[in-house]
Amino acid sequence: MNSKISQIIQSTLNILEENNSHGNNFNLLKICGVSNSEVFTHTPILKELLDPEGTHGQKDLFLKSFVEFFKLDFKIRGNIKTKKEQRFNDYGQIDLMIENEEQIIILENKIYAVDQSKQLQRYFNFCKNYAKKQPLLIYLTLFGNEPSFSSLGNIKKVDNKYLIQTNNELININLRCLSYKIDIISWLEDIKSQFNHLTNLQSALNQYINLLRILTNELVTVNKELKNILLEMTPNELQAIKQISNQFNSSNYRGDLLFKLFAYFEHKFIETGNYEISPEFQDIHYTFKNCQQWFKQLSNINPESKRNVIGCVLRSKKNLHVTFLFVAAKDNLHYGITLSEECHLNLNDLEHLLPTWGQAKQWKKIPEGLISKGIENLRNFSGDAFKLLAVKDNNFLDNFIKDRLQEMDIILKL
């Protein structure tokens, strides 16, 4: 049995190496650190493609193919308006909207963001009461998840139809749930074949498809050899694989991995002789229990704002007013700096020095505020956060720690 499991692991490692050698993990958007951003990446890309006035120069070709591919009841005629990130006071912020004279498509784009209260109900009301157009709502997620009860508000799902009651009458709502993993990738693959003569446009589409495959864990595919190994397993071997899978997905196991990461990170900082465990922020300091609990908190009914902040809190011995944090919060890992009131620096100074970091005037359990940078996505056990979790022979983790120490050296010289 051990040899069979070792064979599976080795086959998977071979696939990973093949993906690397073929450049499949090379993606410009990922390198630039915007791979998961709805606001700066995915919504703008979809808007640009679906806009007949987009820089692709193909007029309404993308919009027509989108409507036809997904069999949407939307007429492409007259003056088509395409807008992104539009805020309307009583109805919230709409990610993407496409209008003709009588209809309006509203696309709610969810990469890792959680649902907002009555979000889809508010968008329906916007279409009927403000825009006064027939609504077509699209709920787009990585894996085709359905909207939460909270997001639906008064909208109910009955027999695979979405309904809302208005004026004592049940009205059918045109609401579609789409996924990046299957739907958007399939649509883009379908249309890109039309641009063999436009190499720049086809290359851009290939880069975006590649990014979506990375985000949806479709880049590494189980090849025929690996699949056959799994299909030829004995009942005992299959049971062993199931136990491994159950353990891997358990909050206790993932919490233990997180604990080991924090302990390793903390040790590497302290062994330089320049840092000590801060006596402050005691409710943030990591433990086995709160690391395991952090993963148990992950659900849509427990929004990210209510999840614990846990991790390492390390005070500089060179400047006791400067504290470095490496924590799990919301959906991600974060590293950052908080300053005491007596410090001669302020967060604005650090933001100027570290333009890719973000400043929060107040953060849960850190009333003084901090400046930090996120590492996605711990919640989904993916991305660079996932790469950091194994402490054994992990060059990626060691280089990450070295980079943080170098940043701190620069800050402490100010």
Protein backbone atom coordinates (compact mmCIF):
# COMPACT_ATOMS: atom_id res chain seq x y z
CA MET A 1 0.00 0.00 0.00
CA ASN A 2 2.81 2.42 0.85
CA SER A 3 4.39 1.83 -2.55
CA LYS A 4 1.10 2.61 -4.30
CA ILE A 5 0.66 5.88 -2.38
CA SER A 6 4.29 6.78 -3.10
CA GLN A 7 3.61 6.09 -6.78
CA ILE A 8 0.65 8.48 -6.76
CA ILE A 9 2.67 11.19 -5.05
CA GLN A 10 5.58 10.78 -7.47
CA SER A 11 3.25 10.87 -10.49
CA THR A 12 1.68 14.08 -9.21
CA LEU A 13 5.11 15.63 -8.65
CA ASN A 14 6.01 14.74 -12.22
CA ILE A 15 2.90 16.57 -13.47
CA LEU A 16 3.80 19.63 -11.40
CA GLU A 17 7.32 19.61 -12.81
CA GLU A 18 5.98 19.27 -16.34
CA ASN A 19 3.70 22.28 -15.84
CA ASN A 20 6.64 24.32 -14.57
CA SER A 21 8.95 23.28 -17.41
CA HIS A 22 6.31 24.20 -19.99
CA GLY A 23 5.87 27.66 -18.46
CA ASN A 24 2.24 27.00 -17.50
CA ASN A 25 2.70 28.75 -14.15
CA PHE A 26 4.08 31.91 -15.79
CA ASN A 27 1.35 34.52 -15.75
CA LEU A 28 1.86 38.27 -15.99
CA LEU A 29 -1.23 39.15 -13.94
CA LYS A 30 -0.16 36.79 -11.17
CA ILE A 31 3.37 38.19 -11.20
CA CYS A 32 1.95 41.71 -10.83
CA GLY A 33 0.02 40.61 -7.73
CA VAL A 34 -3.48 41.29 -9.10
CA SER A 35 -4.54 37.74 -9.99
CA ASN A 36 -7.37 37.62 -7.43
CA SER A 37 -8.62 41.19 -7.65
CA GLU A 38 -12.23 41.55 -8.75
CA VAL A 39 -11.96 45.35 -8.90
CA PHE A 40 -8.61 45.70 -10.68
CA THR A 41 -8.48 42.55 -12.82
CA HIS A 42 -11.50 40.36 -13.46
CA THR A 43 -14.29 42.92 -13.69
CA PRO A 44 -12.21 45.30 -15.91
CA ILE A 45 -11.23 42.43 -18.24
CA LEU A 46 -14.81 41.23 -18.62
CA LYS A 47 -16.02 44.81 -19.09
CA GLU A 48 -13.44 45.48 -21.79
CA LEU A 49 -14.28 42.28 -23.66
CA LEU A 50 -18.06 42.76 -23.49
CA ASP A 51 -17.97 46.46 -24.36
CA PRO A 52 -18.61 47.02 -28.11
CA GLU A 53 -16.38 50.10 -27.73
CA GLY A 54 -13.58 48.09 -26.11
CA THR A 55 -9.97 48.37 -27.20
CA HIS A 56 -10.13 44.87 -28.69
CA GLY A 57 -11.52 46.52 -31.82
CA GLN A 58 -14.01 43.72 -32.52
CA LYS A 59 -17.10 45.84 -31.89
CA ASP A 60 -19.93 43.68 -30.47
CA LEU A 61 -18.36 40.31 -31.37
CA PHE A 62 -17.52 39.37 -27.76
CA LEU A 63 -20.89 40.52 -26.45
CA LYS A 64 -22.78 38.60 -29.15
CA SER A 65 -20.81 35.44 -28.49
CA PHE A 66 -21.36 35.81 -24.72
CA VAL A 67 -25.13 36.19 -25.17
CA GLU A 68 -25.31 33.28 -27.62
CA PHE A 69 -22.97 30.97 -25.70
CA PHE A 70 -24.96 31.31 -22.48
CA LYS A 71 -28.33 31.58 -24.26
CA LEU A 72 -29.18 34.89 -22.60
CA ASP A 73 -32.39 36.69 -23.45
CA PHE A 74 -30.69 40.00 -24.25
CA LYS A 75 -31.10 41.99 -27.46
CA ILE A 76 -27.96 43.53 -28.94
CA ARG A 77 -29.37 46.53 -30.68
CA GLY A 78 -29.36 50.31 -30.41
CA ASN A 79 -27.02 52.05 -28.02
CA ILE A 80 -25.36 49.43 -25.78
CA LYS A 81 -23.87 50.89 -22.60
CA THR A 82 -21.29 48.92 -20.61
CA LYS A 83 -20.16 50.20 -17.21
CA LYS A 84 -18.20 48.80 -14.27
CA GLU A 85 -18.08 49.53 -10.53
CA GLN A 86 -21.13 51.78 -10.49
CA ARG A 87 -22.38 52.88 -7.06
CA PHE A 88 -26.01 53.78 -6.40
CA ASN A 89 -26.73 54.93 -2.84
CA ASP A 90 -29.79 52.83 -2.04
CA TYR A 91 -28.79 49.83 -4.13
CA GLY A 92 -25.05 49.35 -3.53
CA GLN A 93 -22.15 48.99 -5.92
CA ILE A 94 -22.74 47.06 -9.13
CA ASP A 95 -19.69 45.28 -10.52
CA LEU A 96 -20.68 45.23 -14.18
CA MET A 97 -23.79 46.38 -16.04
CA ILE A 98 -24.69 46.14 -19.72
CA GLU A 99 -27.77 48.00 -20.98
CA ASN A 100 -29.85 48.27 -24.09
CA GLU A 101 -32.98 50.40 -24.34
CA GLU A 102 -35.22 47.95 -22.44
CA GLN A 103 -32.96 45.42 -20.69
CA ILE A 104 -30.06 45.42 -18.30
CA ILE A 105 -27.54 42.70 -17.44
CA ILE A 106 -26.08 43.00 -13.97
CA LEU A 107 -23.08 40.79 -13.30
CA GLU A 108 -22.07 40.22 -9.68
CA ASN A 109 -18.44 39.08 -9.72
CA LYS A 110 -17.21 36.94 -6.83
CA ILE A 111 -13.62 35.70 -6.70
CA TYR A 112 -13.03 35.48 -2.96
CA ALA A 113 -15.31 38.23 -1.65
CA VAL A 114 -18.22 37.22 0.58
CA ASP A 115 -21.86 37.95 -0.16
CA GLN A 116 -23.38 41.19 1.04
CA SER A 117 -26.75 41.38 2.75
CA LYS A 118 -29.69 41.44 0.28
CA GLN A 119 -27.26 42.18 -2.54
CA LEU A 120 -29.13 40.49 -5.37
CA GLN A 121 -32.48 41.72 -4.11
CA ARG A 122 -31.12 45.29 -4.17
CA TYR A 123 -29.88 44.82 -7.75
CA PHE A 124 -33.28 43.54 -8.83
CA ASN A 125 -34.93 46.56 -7.19
CA PHE A 126 -32.41 48.83 -8.93
CA CYS A 127 -33.41 47.47 -12.32
CA LYS A 128 -37.15 47.74 -11.70
CA ASN A 129 -37.35 50.95 -9.67
CA TYR A 130 -34.32 53.02 -10.75
CA ALA A 131 -33.23 51.91 -14.21
CA LYS A 132 -36.78 50.81 -15.05
CA LYS A 133 -35.51 48.04 -17.31
CA GLN A 134 -35.99 44.30 -17.48
CA PRO A 135 -33.28 42.69 -15.31
CA LEU A 136 -31.00 39.77 -16.11
CA LEU A 137 -28.83 38.96 -13.10
CA ILE A 138 -25.62 36.92 -13.40
CA TYR A 139 -23.92 35.60 -10.27
CA LEU A 140 -20.36 34.69 -11.31
CA THR A 141 -18.02 32.76 -9.00
CA LEU A 142 -14.90 30.66 -9.44
CA PHE A 143 -16.75 27.37 -9.10
CA GLY A 144 -20.38 28.20 -9.87
CA ASN A 145 -21.57 28.57 -6.28
CA GLU A 146 -25.13 29.64 -5.69
CA PRO A 147 -25.78 32.92 -3.86
CA SER A 148 -26.30 32.71 -0.11
CA PHE A 149 -29.69 33.25 1.50
CA SER A 150 -28.32 36.51 2.87
CA SER A 151 -27.45 37.78 -0.61
CA LEU A 152 -30.82 36.74 -2.07
CA GLY A 153 -32.83 38.63 0.53
CA ASN A 154 -36.50 38.23 -0.40
CA ILE A 155 -35.63 36.24 -3.53
CA LYS A 156 -36.50 32.57 -3.10
CA LYS A 157 -35.39 29.53 -5.07
CA VAL A 158 -38.29 27.18 -5.84
CA ASP A 159 -37.96 24.22 -8.22
CA ASN A 160 -34.71 25.61 -9.65
CA LYS A 161 -36.34 28.97 -10.34
CA TYR A 162 -35.69 32.26 -8.55
CA LEU A 163 -38.84 34.09 -7.48
CA ILE A 164 -39.65 37.29 -5.62
CA GLN A 165 -42.97 38.43 -4.23
CA THR A 166 -44.09 41.92 -5.18
CA ASN A 167 -47.63 43.28 -4.76
CA ASN A 168 -48.88 39.86 -3.59
CA GLU A 169 -47.59 38.31 -6.81
CA LEU A 170 -44.70 35.88 -7.33
CA ILE A 171 -42.45 37.12 -10.13
CA ASN A 172 -39.90 34.93 -11.87
CA ILE A 173 -36.39 36.44 -11.81
CA ASN A 174 -33.92 35.82 -14.60
CA LEU A 175 -30.94 34.89 -12.41
CA ARG A 176 -28.07 32.75 -13.72
CA CYS A 177 -25.19 31.25 -11.75
CA LEU A 178 -22.00 30.92 -13.81
CA SER A 179 -18.51 29.70 -12.99
CA TYR A 180 -15.09 30.79 -14.15
CA LYS A 181 -13.92 27.17 -13.95
CA ILE A 182 -16.30 25.83 -16.59
CA ASP A 183 -18.42 28.59 -18.10
CA ILE A 184 -16.05 31.53 -18.62
CA ILE A 185 -13.08 29.36 -19.61
CA SER A 186 -15.27 27.43 -22.09
CA TRP A 187 -16.61 30.67 -23.58
CA LEU A 188 -13.14 32.17 -23.97
CA GLU A 189 -11.77 28.95 -25.48
CA ASP A 190 -14.68 28.93 -27.91
CA ILE A 191 -14.21 32.49 -29.14
CA LYS A 192 -10.42 32.73 -29.19
CA SER A 193 -10.26 30.39 -32.21
CA GLN A 194 -11.65 33.29 -34.25
CA PHE A 195 -8.51 35.36 -33.65
CA ASN A 196 -5.75 33.19 -35.12
CA HIS A 197 -4.80 36.15 -37.30
CA LEU A 198 -4.76 38.56 -34.32
CA THR A 199 -1.85 37.24 -32.31
CA ASN A 200 -1.85 39.99 -29.67
CA LEU A 201 -5.55 39.49 -28.85
CA GLN A 202 -5.21 35.71 -28.82
CA SER A 203 -2.15 35.91 -26.55
CA ALA A 204 -4.05 38.16 -24.13
CA LEU A 205 -6.95 35.71 -24.03
CA ASN A 206 -4.55 32.81 -23.46
CA GLN A 207 -2.95 34.64 -20.53
CA TYR A 208 -6.34 35.27 -18.95
CA ILE A 209 -7.48 31.68 -19.51
CA ASN A 210 -4.22 30.51 -17.96
CA LEU A 211 -4.86 32.70 -14.91
CA LEU A 212 -8.39 31.30 -14.52
CA ARG A 213 -7.01 27.75 -14.69
CA ILE A 214 -4.54 28.61 -11.94
CA LEU A 215 -7.26 30.11 -9.73
CA THR A 216 -9.61 27.16 -10.23
CA ASN A 217 -6.90 24.51 -9.77
CA GLU A 218 -7.37 23.32 -13.34
CA LEU A 219 -3.80 23.94 -14.45
CA VAL A 220 -2.60 20.68 -12.91
CA THR A 221 -4.68 17.96 -14.51
CA VAL A 222 -4.74 14.32 -13.49
CA ASN A 223 -3.18 12.58 -16.48
CA LYS A 224 -4.18 9.17 -17.79
CA GLU A 225 -1.39 7.38 -15.93
CA LEU A 226 -2.35 8.85 -12.55
CA LYS A 227 -6.04 8.27 -13.17
CA ASN A 228 -5.39 4.63 -14.04
CA ILE A 229 -3.44 4.15 -10.82
CA LEU A 230 -6.41 5.40 -8.83
CA LEU A 231 -8.84 3.25 -10.81
CA GLU A 232 -6.82 0.07 -10.16
CA MET A 233 -6.72 0.42 -6.38
CA THR A 234 -7.81 -2.28 -4.00
CA PRO A 235 -10.54 -1.44 -1.45
CA ASN A 236 -7.93 -1.05 1.30
CA GLU A 237 -5.79 1.27 -0.83
CA LEU A 238 -8.82 3.33 -1.76
CA GLN A 239 -9.77 3.60 1.90
CA ALA A 240 -6.24 4.82 2.69
CA ILE A 241 -6.49 7.53 0.02
CA LYS A 242 -9.86 8.56 1.41
CA GLN A 243 -8.37 8.91 4.91
CA ILE A 244 -5.54 11.04 3.54
CA SER A 245 -8.07 13.24 1.75
CA ASN A 246 -10.21 13.59 4.87
CA GLN A 247 -7.19 14.54 6.95
CA PHE A 248 -5.96 17.04 4.37
CA ASN A 249 -9.34 18.79 4.33
CA SER A 250 -9.82 18.81 8.12
CA SER A 251 -9.61 22.08 10.05
CA ASN A 252 -7.42 20.40 12.68
CA TYR A 253 -4.77 19.39 10.14
CA ARG A 254 -4.81 22.75 8.40
CA GLY A 255 -4.67 24.50 11.76
CA ASP A 256 -1.62 22.45 12.75
CA LEU A 257 0.09 23.42 9.49
CA LEU A 258 -0.65 27.07 10.20
CA PHE A 259 0.72 26.71 13.74
CA LYS A 260 3.97 25.22 12.41
CA LEU A 261 4.27 28.05 9.89
CA PHE A 262 3.88 30.72 12.57
CA ALA A 263 6.32 28.93 14.89
CA TYR A 264 8.92 28.61 12.13
CA PHE A 265 8.50 32.24 11.04
CA GLU A 266 8.74 33.46 14.64
CA HIS A 267 11.88 31.37 15.27
CA LYS A 268 13.62 32.74 12.17
CA PHE A 269 12.94 36.33 13.22
CA ILE A 270 14.00 35.79 16.84
CA GLU A 271 17.22 33.93 15.95
CA THR A 272 18.52 37.12 14.26
CA GLY A 273 18.77 38.61 17.77
CA ASN A 274 16.86 41.71 16.65
CA TYR A 275 13.29 40.71 17.58
CA GLU A 276 11.33 39.46 20.55
CA ILE A 277 7.78 38.28 21.10
CA SER A 278 5.73 41.36 21.80
CA PRO A 279 4.02 41.53 25.19
CA GLU A 280 1.18 43.41 23.49
CA PHE A 281 -1.70 42.04 21.44
CA GLN A 282 -1.97 38.91 23.55
CA ASP A 283 -5.30 38.00 21.95
CA ILE A 284 -3.57 37.76 18.56
CA HIS A 285 -0.72 35.39 19.53
CA TYR A 286 -1.13 32.02 17.84
CA THR A 287 -1.84 28.75 19.63
CA PHE A 288 -2.72 25.25 18.43
CA LYS A 289 -6.30 25.88 19.45
CA ASN A 290 -6.85 29.22 17.75
CA CYS A 291 -5.07 28.05 14.57
CA GLN A 292 -7.46 25.11 14.29
CA GLN A 293 -10.39 27.32 15.21
CA TRP A 294 -9.49 29.79 12.46
CA PHE A 295 -10.22 27.20 9.78
CA LYS A 296 -13.41 26.13 11.53
CA GLN A 297 -14.67 29.70 11.19
CA LEU A 298 -14.55 29.62 7.40
CA SER A 299 -18.05 29.79 6.03
CA ASN A 300 -20.30 32.28 4.28
CA ILE A 301 -22.50 32.51 7.37
CA ASN A 302 -19.44 33.69 9.31
CA PRO A 303 -18.26 36.69 7.25
CA GLU A 304 -14.58 37.51 7.00
CA SER A 305 -14.93 40.61 9.18
CA LYS A 306 -15.90 38.39 12.14
CA ARG A 307 -13.05 35.89 11.83
CA ASN A 308 -10.20 35.96 14.31
CA VAL A 309 -6.87 37.65 13.70
CA ILE A 310 -4.10 35.29 14.84
CA GLY A 311 -0.37 34.94 14.26
CA CYS A 312 3.09 36.20 15.20
CA VAL A 313 3.60 39.55 16.89
CA LEU A 314 7.29 40.48 16.96
CA ARG A 315 8.69 43.67 18.44
CA SER A 316 11.91 45.17 17.21
CA LYS A 317 14.66 45.37 19.83
CA LYS A 318 16.23 48.25 17.90
CA ASN A 319 13.05 50.30 18.10
CA LEU A 320 10.52 49.13 20.67
CA HIS A 321 7.85 51.30 19.03
CA VAL A 322 7.87 49.17 15.84
CA THR A 323 6.06 45.84 15.81
CA PHE A 324 5.95 43.35 12.95
CA LEU A 325 2.92 41.11 12.47
CA PHE A 326 2.50 37.96 10.42
CA VAL A 327 -1.13 36.92 10.80
CA ALA A 328 -4.09 35.06 9.38
CA ALA A 329 -7.06 37.40 8.96
CA LYS A 330 -10.17 37.53 6.78
CA ASP A 331 -9.38 35.11 3.90
CA ASN A 332 -5.61 35.51 3.69
CA LEU A 333 -2.25 35.67 5.37
CA HIS A 334 -1.01 39.21 5.99
CA TYR A 335 2.32 40.69 7.00
CA GLY A 336 2.58 44.23 8.24
CA ILE A 337 3.74 46.80 10.76
CA THR A 338 2.04 48.67 13.56
CA LEU A 339 3.55 51.65 15.36
CA SER A 340 3.09 52.90 18.90
CA GLU A 341 1.97 56.48 19.48
CA GLU A 342 5.50 57.39 20.67
CA CYS A 343 7.17 56.29 17.43
CA HIS A 344 8.83 59.04 15.37
CA LEU A 345 7.49 57.34 12.21
CA ASN A 346 3.89 57.21 11.08
CA LEU A 347 1.97 54.93 8.77
CA ASN A 348 2.01 57.52 5.99
CA ASP A 349 5.83 57.42 6.02
CA LEU A 350 5.73 53.66 5.58
CA GLU A 351 3.08 53.79 2.87
CA HIS A 352 5.33 56.10 0.85
CA LEU A 353 8.22 53.66 1.29
CA LEU A 354 6.09 50.56 0.58
CA PRO A 355 3.60 51.58 -2.13
CA THR A 356 2.24 48.05 -2.64
CA TRP A 357 1.19 47.80 1.03
CA GLY A 358 -2.18 49.02 2.21
CA GLN A 359 -2.92 51.15 5.25
CA ALA A 360 -5.78 50.51 7.66
CA LYS A 361 -6.39 53.23 10.24
CA GLN A 362 -8.12 50.72 12.47
CA TRP A 363 -7.97 46.96 12.23
CA LYS A 364 -9.61 44.28 14.29
CA LYS A 365 -7.62 43.90 17.56
CA ILE A 366 -5.09 46.55 16.39
CA PRO A 367 -6.61 49.92 17.35
CA GLU A 368 -3.49 51.89 16.36
CA GLY A 369 -3.90 50.72 12.78
CA LEU A 370 -1.26 49.12 10.61
CA ILE A 371 0.18 48.96 7.13
CA SER A 372 0.20 45.51 5.59
CA LYS A 373 0.16 43.34 2.51
CA GLY A 374 -2.01 40.28 1.91
CA ILE A 375 -0.97 36.85 0.66
CA GLU A 376 -3.82 34.97 -0.99
CA ASN A 377 -5.58 32.64 -0.40
CA LEU A 378 -5.39 30.88 2.95
CA ARG A 379 -9.12 30.25 3.15
CA ASN A 380 -9.11 28.20 -0.07
CA PHE A 381 -5.73 26.61 0.66
CA SER A 382 -4.35 27.99 -2.60
CA GLY A 383 -2.05 30.60 -4.10
CA ASP A 384 1.10 31.86 -2.42
CA ALA A 385 -0.41 31.35 1.04
CA PHE A 386 -0.57 27.62 0.32
CA LYS A 387 3.06 27.60 -0.84
CA LEU A 388 4.16 28.96 2.55
CA LEU A 389 2.48 26.29 4.67
CA ALA A 390 5.03 23.47 4.42
CA VAL A 391 8.08 24.39 6.53
CA LYS A 392 10.24 21.42 5.53
CA ASP A 393 12.75 22.14 2.73
CA ASN A 394 10.69 25.12 1.59
CA ASN A 395 12.89 27.57 -0.31
CA PHE A 396 9.86 29.71 -1.11
CA LEU A 397 9.18 30.19 2.60
CA ASP A 398 12.83 30.83 3.48
CA ASN A 399 13.14 33.45 0.74
CA PHE A 400 9.87 35.03 1.90
CA ILE A 401 11.27 35.40 5.44
CA LYS A 402 14.54 36.85 4.14
CA ASP A 403 12.60 39.45 2.13
CA ARG A 404 10.60 40.47 5.21
CA LEU A 405 13.76 40.81 7.32
CA GLN A 406 15.35 42.99 4.63
CA GLU A 407 12.27 45.21 4.52
CA MET A 408 12.38 45.60 8.27
CA ASP A 409 16.08 46.51 8.16
CA ILE A 410 15.26 49.33 5.74
CA ILE A 411 12.36 50.58 7.88
CA LEU A 412 14.37 50.53 11.10
CA LYS A 413 17.05 52.73 9.53
CA LEU A 414 14.56 55.55 8.93
